[in-house]
């Protein structure tokens, strides 16, 4: 088994040449390389910065319908806690298993199935959409710096850990007219 090399003929480092595997069922190649993260590789609160390292370890196997890509991607994600806005950093190892078909299903089938297929185009595989799907699905929707994080006060923004007894007496503004009557009664 020989080492697989990423094609750099266009600007995307996640497009790889599949010329040696195309239409040769049973052929396999391995790819072990560190590639830069694409732009917007994450969600609103957490993600990898553009150019951060993604450590790929994948196996590409030619099958009758296309090329089966299996393996892992390791990436460090950075962002902020959804409760206290402190920096958050953690590593994700995402399992990837996707079939890149030689020919997409005809558009007469269910539209969702056609859109979800990855394809070998011009003897190349673009790993970015498959990696994006595998990694982003593992990201927390609301990342926290630690399980016990209490966050910030919604009224004044003070860190609740620093003052556990902190609270505000919030009155419903609809009762203001009645409280004015009570104040007049006291006088």
C-alpha atoms as a PDB file:
ATOM      1  CA  UNK A   1       0.000   0.000   0.000  1.00  0.00           C
ATOM      2  CA  UNK A   2       1.491   3.341  -1.000  1.00  0.00           C
ATOM      3  CA  UNK A   3       1.106   6.719   0.666  1.00  0.00           C
ATOM      4  CA  UNK A   4      -1.665   8.860  -0.849  1.00  0.00           C
ATOM      5  CA  UNK A   5      -0.986  12.448  -1.833  1.00  0.00           C
ATOM      6  CA  UNK A   6      -3.490  15.281  -1.795  1.00  0.00           C
ATOM      7  CA  UNK A   7      -3.978  17.025  -5.110  1.00  0.00           C
ATOM      8  CA  UNK A   8      -3.058  20.701  -4.837  1.00  0.00           C
ATOM      9  CA  UNK A   9      -3.879  21.733  -8.385  1.00  0.00           C
ATOM     10  CA  UNK A  10      -6.764  23.900  -7.234  1.00  0.00           C
ATOM     11  CA  UNK A  11      -7.009  26.053  -4.137  1.00  0.00           C
ATOM     12  CA  UNK A  12      -8.858  23.557  -1.897  1.00  0.00           C
ATOM     13  CA  UNK A  13      -6.507  21.414   0.180  1.00  0.00           C
ATOM     14  CA  UNK A  14      -9.366  19.006   0.901  1.00  0.00           C
ATOM     15  CA  UNK A  15      -9.788  17.951  -2.728  1.00  0.00           C
ATOM     16  CA  UNK A  16      -7.893  14.774  -3.381  1.00  0.00           C
ATOM     17  CA  UNK A  17      -7.126  12.976  -6.583  1.00  0.00           C
ATOM     18  CA  UNK A  18      -8.912   9.667  -7.012  1.00  0.00           C
ATOM     19  CA  UNK A  19      -7.505   8.883 -10.451  1.00  0.00           C
ATOM     20  CA  UNK A  20      -5.657   5.759  -9.258  1.00  0.00           C
ATOM     21  CA  UNK A  21      -8.819   4.396  -7.608  1.00  0.00           C
ATOM     22  CA  UNK A  22     -11.479   5.245 -10.185  1.00  0.00           C
ATOM     23  CA  UNK A  23     -13.263   2.205 -11.612  1.00  0.00           C
ATOM     24  CA  UNK A  24     -10.836  -0.243  -9.950  1.00  0.00           C
ATOM     25  CA  UNK A  25     -12.896  -2.073  -7.290  1.00  0.00           C
ATOM     26  CA  UNK A  26     -10.783  -3.470  -4.481  1.00  0.00           C
ATOM     27  CA  UNK A  27      -8.030  -0.842  -4.793  1.00  0.00           C
ATOM     28  CA  UNK A  28      -7.216   1.071  -1.612  1.00  0.00           C
ATOM     29  CA  UNK A  29      -5.162   4.092  -0.646  1.00  0.00           C
ATOM     30  CA  UNK A  30      -4.468   5.704   2.719  1.00  0.00           C
ATOM     31  CA  UNK A  31      -4.217   9.366   3.540  1.00  0.00           C
ATOM     32  CA  UNK A  32      -2.466  10.538   6.688  1.00  0.00           C
ATOM     33  CA  UNK A  33      -1.936  14.263   6.513  1.00  0.00           C
ATOM     34  CA  UNK A  34      -2.539  17.504   8.353  1.00  0.00           C
ATOM     35  CA  UNK A  35      -4.652  19.920   6.308  1.00  0.00           C
ATOM     36  CA  UNK A  36      -5.859  23.453   7.066  1.00  0.00           C
ATOM     37  CA  UNK A  37      -9.421  23.978   8.256  1.00  0.00           C
ATOM     38  CA  UNK A  38     -11.705  25.707   5.748  1.00  0.00           C
ATOM     39  CA  UNK A  39     -13.512  28.953   6.493  1.00  0.00           C
ATOM     40  CA  UNK A  40     -16.547  28.762   8.852  1.00  0.00           C
ATOM     41  CA  UNK A  41     -15.683  25.289  10.123  1.00  0.00           C
ATOM     42  CA  UNK A  42     -18.007  25.274  13.132  1.00  0.00           C
ATOM     43  CA  UNK A  43     -21.160  26.920  14.425  1.00  0.00           C
ATOM     44  CA  UNK A  44     -21.916  30.379  15.832  1.00  0.00           C
ATOM     45  CA  UNK A  45     -20.254  29.779  19.225  1.00  0.00           C
ATOM     46  CA  UNK A  46     -17.493  27.272  18.536  1.00  0.00           C
ATOM     47  CA  UNK A  47     -15.352  26.151  15.634  1.00  0.00           C
ATOM     48  CA  UNK A  48     -11.901  25.855  14.152  1.00  0.00           C
ATOM     49  CA  UNK A  49     -10.253  29.003  12.875  1.00  0.00           C
ATOM     50  CA  UNK A  50      -9.556  29.086   9.162  1.00  0.00           C
ATOM     51  CA  UNK A  51      -6.172  27.445   8.644  1.00  0.00           C
ATOM     52  CA  UNK A  52      -6.126  25.510  11.962  1.00  0.00           C
ATOM     53  CA  UNK A  53      -4.815  21.959  11.659  1.00  0.00           C
ATOM     54  CA  UNK A  54      -7.130  19.059  10.854  1.00  0.00           C
ATOM     55  CA  UNK A  55      -5.329  15.760  11.307  1.00  0.00           C
ATOM     56  CA  UNK A  56      -6.737  13.316   8.739  1.00  0.00           C
ATOM     57  CA  UNK A  57      -6.304   9.575   8.842  1.00  0.00           C
ATOM     58  CA  UNK A  58      -8.547   8.082   6.157  1.00  0.00           C
ATOM     59  CA  UNK A  59      -8.683   5.047   3.928  1.00  0.00           C
ATOM     60  CA  UNK A  60     -10.082   5.298   0.418  1.00  0.00           C
ATOM     61  CA  UNK A  61     -11.405   2.084  -1.076  1.00  0.00           C
ATOM     62  CA  UNK A  62     -12.688   1.714  -4.615  1.00  0.00           C
ATOM     63  CA  UNK A  63     -15.989  -0.166  -4.755  1.00  0.00           C
ATOM     64  CA  UNK A  64     -18.283  -0.818  -7.697  1.00  0.00           C
ATOM     65  CA  UNK A  65     -20.435   2.302  -7.134  1.00  0.00           C
ATOM     66  CA  UNK A  66     -17.710   4.741  -6.109  1.00  0.00           C
ATOM     67  CA  UNK A  67     -15.044   5.338  -3.500  1.00  0.00           C
ATOM     68  CA  UNK A  68     -15.686   4.558   0.155  1.00  0.00           C
ATOM     69  CA  UNK A  69     -13.890   6.940   2.528  1.00  0.00           C
ATOM     70  CA  UNK A  70     -13.498   5.755   6.124  1.00  0.00           C
ATOM     71  CA  UNK A  71     -11.344   7.087   8.915  1.00  0.00           C
ATOM     72  CA  UNK A  72     -11.018   9.874  11.446  1.00  0.00           C
ATOM     73  CA  UNK A  73     -10.451  13.600  11.563  1.00  0.00           C
ATOM     74  CA  UNK A  74      -8.968  15.239  14.649  1.00  0.00           C
ATOM     75  CA  UNK A  75      -9.394  18.992  15.185  1.00  0.00           C
ATOM     76  CA  UNK A  76      -9.159  21.450  18.076  1.00  0.00           C
ATOM     77  CA  UNK A  77     -12.212  23.684  18.430  1.00  0.00           C
ATOM     78  CA  UNK A  78     -12.224  27.134  20.035  1.00  0.00           C
ATOM     79  CA  UNK A  79     -15.061  29.382  21.052  1.00  0.00           C
ATOM     80  CA  UNK A  80     -16.834  30.801  24.049  1.00  0.00           C
ATOM     81  CA  UNK A  81     -19.004  29.450  26.827  1.00  0.00           C
ATOM     82  CA  UNK A  82     -22.675  30.065  26.093  1.00  0.00           C
ATOM     83  CA  UNK A  83     -23.308  30.965  29.761  1.00  0.00           C
ATOM     84  CA  UNK A  84     -20.355  33.095  30.900  1.00  0.00           C
ATOM     85  CA  UNK A  85     -18.580  33.913  27.604  1.00  0.00           C
ATOM     86  CA  UNK A  86     -15.228  32.560  28.873  1.00  0.00           C
ATOM     87  CA  UNK A  87     -12.989  30.947  26.238  1.00  0.00           C
ATOM     88  CA  UNK A  88     -13.642  27.270  25.547  1.00  0.00           C
ATOM     89  CA  UNK A  89     -11.268  24.850  23.820  1.00  0.00           C
ATOM     90  CA  UNK A  90     -11.636  21.126  23.259  1.00  0.00           C
ATOM     91  CA  UNK A  91     -10.592  18.447  20.808  1.00  0.00           C
ATOM     92  CA  UNK A  92     -12.932  16.506  18.562  1.00  0.00           C
ATOM     93  CA  UNK A  93     -12.208  13.221  16.876  1.00  0.00           C
ATOM     94  CA  UNK A  94     -14.843  12.647  14.220  1.00  0.00           C
ATOM     95  CA  UNK A  95     -15.423   9.346  12.479  1.00  0.00           C
ATOM     96  CA  UNK A  96     -15.919   9.669   8.742  1.00  0.00           C
ATOM     97  CA  UNK A  97     -17.581   7.038   6.582  1.00  0.00           C
ATOM     98  CA  UNK A  98     -18.976   8.255   3.280  1.00  0.00           C
ATOM     99  CA  UNK A  99     -19.439   6.830  -0.185  1.00  0.00           C
ATOM    100  CA  UNK A 100     -18.457   9.138  -3.025  1.00  0.00           C
ATOM    101  CA  UNK A 101     -20.391   7.822  -6.019  1.00  0.00           C
ATOM    102  CA  UNK A 102     -19.071   7.788  -9.566  1.00  0.00           C
ATOM    103  CA  UNK A 103     -22.478   8.837 -10.908  1.00  0.00           C
ATOM    104  CA  UNK A 104     -25.164  10.602  -8.908  1.00  0.00           C
ATOM    105  CA  UNK A 105     -28.664   9.160  -8.986  1.00  0.00           C
ATOM    106  CA  UNK A 106     -30.869  10.637 -11.701  1.00  0.00           C
ATOM    107  CA  UNK A 107     -32.799  13.682 -10.557  1.00  0.00           C
ATOM    108  CA  UNK A 108     -36.096  11.805 -11.023  1.00  0.00           C
ATOM    109  CA  UNK A 109     -35.678  10.223  -7.558  1.00  0.00           C
ATOM    110  CA  UNK A 110     -36.382  11.845  -4.230  1.00  0.00           C
ATOM    111  CA  UNK A 111     -34.640  15.223  -4.262  1.00  0.00           C
ATOM    112  CA  UNK A 112     -33.260  14.835  -0.725  1.00  0.00           C
ATOM    113  CA  UNK A 113     -31.409  11.650  -1.693  1.00  0.00           C
ATOM    114  CA  UNK A 114     -29.783  13.291  -4.710  1.00  0.00           C
ATOM    115  CA  UNK A 115     -28.630  16.289  -2.668  1.00  0.00           C
ATOM    116  CA  UNK A 116     -27.132  14.125   0.085  1.00  0.00           C
ATOM    117  CA  UNK A 117     -24.910  12.124  -2.259  1.00  0.00           C
ATOM    118  CA  UNK A 118     -21.219  12.922  -2.451  1.00  0.00           C
ATOM    119  CA  UNK A 119     -19.688  12.410  -5.876  1.00  0.00           C
ATOM    120  CA  UNK A 120     -16.356  11.778  -7.527  1.00  0.00           C
ATOM    121  CA  UNK A 121     -16.021  14.684  -9.955  1.00  0.00           C
ATOM    122  CA  UNK A 122     -13.205  14.975 -12.508  1.00  0.00           C
ATOM    123  CA  UNK A 123     -11.395  12.091 -10.768  1.00  0.00           C
ATOM    124  CA  UNK A 124     -11.364  14.089  -7.505  1.00  0.00           C
ATOM    125  CA  UNK A 125     -13.044  13.784  -4.127  1.00  0.00           C
ATOM    126  CA  UNK A 126     -13.846  16.905  -2.131  1.00  0.00           C
ATOM    127  CA  UNK A 127     -13.610  15.844   1.521  1.00  0.00           C
ATOM    128  CA  UNK A 128     -14.720  19.236   2.890  1.00  0.00           C
ATOM    129  CA  UNK A 129     -18.513  18.618   2.943  1.00  0.00           C
ATOM    130  CA  UNK A 130     -18.125  15.150   4.487  1.00  0.00           C
ATOM    131  CA  UNK A 131     -15.663  16.420   7.113  1.00  0.00           C
ATOM    132  CA  UNK A 132     -17.869  19.411   7.861  1.00  0.00           C
ATOM    133  CA  UNK A 133     -20.869  17.105   8.392  1.00  0.00           C
ATOM    134  CA  UNK A 134     -18.921  14.683  10.607  1.00  0.00           C
ATOM    135  CA  UNK A 135     -17.297  17.341  12.798  1.00  0.00           C
ATOM    136  CA  UNK A 136     -20.113  19.867  13.110  1.00  0.00           C
ATOM    137  CA  UNK A 137     -22.630  17.203  14.118  1.00  0.00           C
ATOM    138  CA  UNK A 138     -20.455  16.510  17.180  1.00  0.00           C
ATOM    139  CA  UNK A 139     -20.265  20.138  18.309  1.00  0.00           C
ATOM    140  CA  UNK A 140     -22.368  21.142  21.291  1.00  0.00           C
ATOM    141  CA  UNK A 141     -25.181  23.528  20.405  1.00  0.00           C
ATOM    142  CA  UNK A 142     -24.468  25.515  23.564  1.00  0.00           C
ATOM    143  CA  UNK A 143     -20.873  24.881  24.690  1.00  0.00           C
ATOM    144  CA  UNK A 144     -20.038  25.467  28.354  1.00  0.00           C
ATOM    145  CA  UNK A 145     -16.661  25.973  29.988  1.00  0.00           C
ATOM    146  CA  UNK A 146     -17.557  23.422  32.700  1.00  0.00           C
ATOM    147  CA  UNK A 147     -20.692  21.612  33.841  1.00  0.00           C
ATOM    148  CA  UNK A 148     -21.005  23.729  36.991  1.00  0.00           C
ATOM    149  CA  UNK A 149     -20.858  27.090  35.164  1.00  0.00           C
ATOM    150  CA  UNK A 150     -23.574  29.392  36.516  1.00  0.00           C
ATOM    151  CA  UNK A 151     -23.195  32.029  33.847  1.00  0.00           C
ATOM    152  CA  UNK A 152     -23.904  35.741  34.072  1.00  0.00           C
ATOM    153  CA  UNK A 153     -26.798  37.623  35.647  1.00  0.00           C
ATOM    154  CA  UNK A 154     -29.305  38.474  32.947  1.00  0.00           C
ATOM    155  CA  UNK A 155     -30.063  41.838  34.596  1.00  0.00           C
ATOM    156  CA  UNK A 156     -26.620  43.299  35.306  1.00  0.00           C
ATOM    157  CA  UNK A 157     -24.066  40.884  33.810  1.00  0.00           C
ATOM    158  CA  UNK A 158     -22.235  40.030  37.050  1.00  0.00           C
ATOM    159  CA  UNK A 159     -20.590  36.606  37.143  1.00  0.00           C
ATOM    160  CA  UNK A 160     -22.897  34.485  39.312  1.00  0.00           C
ATOM    161  CA  UNK A 161     -20.019  32.346  40.646  1.00  0.00           C
ATOM    162  CA  UNK A 162     -18.511  35.428  42.287  1.00  0.00           C
ATOM    163  CA  UNK A 163     -21.749  36.246  44.150  1.00  0.00           C
ATOM    164  CA  UNK A 164     -23.921  33.138  44.645  1.00  0.00           C
ATOM    165  CA  UNK A 165     -26.535  35.135  46.631  1.00  0.00           C
ATOM    166  CA  UNK A 166     -26.896  37.724  43.860  1.00  0.00           C
ATOM    167  CA  UNK A 167     -30.453  38.488  42.772  1.00  0.00           C
ATOM    168  CA  UNK A 168     -32.652  41.342  41.613  1.00  0.00           C
ATOM    169  CA  UNK A 169     -36.212  42.032  42.622  1.00  0.00           C
ATOM    170  CA  UNK A 170     -37.920  42.392  39.300  1.00  0.00           C
ATOM    171  CA  UNK A 171     -41.471  43.605  39.316  1.00  0.00           C
ATOM    172  CA  UNK A 172     -43.841  43.087  36.458  1.00  0.00           C
ATOM    173  CA  UNK A 173     -44.338  46.531  34.861  1.00  0.00           C
ATOM    174  CA  UNK A 174     -48.059  45.823  34.528  1.00  0.00           C
ATOM    175  CA  UNK A 175     -48.373  46.210  38.302  1.00  0.00           C
ATOM    176  CA  UNK A 176     -46.864  49.733  38.364  1.00  0.00           C
ATOM    177  CA  UNK A 177     -50.299  51.415  38.406  1.00  0.00           C
ATOM    178  CA  UNK A 178     -51.381  49.344  41.378  1.00  0.00           C
ATOM    179  CA  UNK A 179     -48.190  50.070  43.306  1.00  0.00           C
ATOM    180  CA  UNK A 180     -48.829  53.794  42.779  1.00  0.00           C
ATOM    181  CA  UNK A 181     -52.228  53.317  44.451  1.00  0.00           C
ATOM    182  CA  UNK A 182     -50.577  51.552  47.391  1.00  0.00           C
ATOM    183  CA  UNK A 183     -48.053  54.387  47.753  1.00  0.00           C
ATOM    184  CA  UNK A 184     -50.910  56.945  47.777  1.00  0.00           C
ATOM    185  CA  UNK A 185     -52.757  54.880  50.424  1.00  0.00           C
ATOM    186  CA  UNK A 186     -49.654  54.842  52.680  1.00  0.00           C
ATOM    187  CA  UNK A 187     -49.499  58.669  52.644  1.00  0.00           C
END
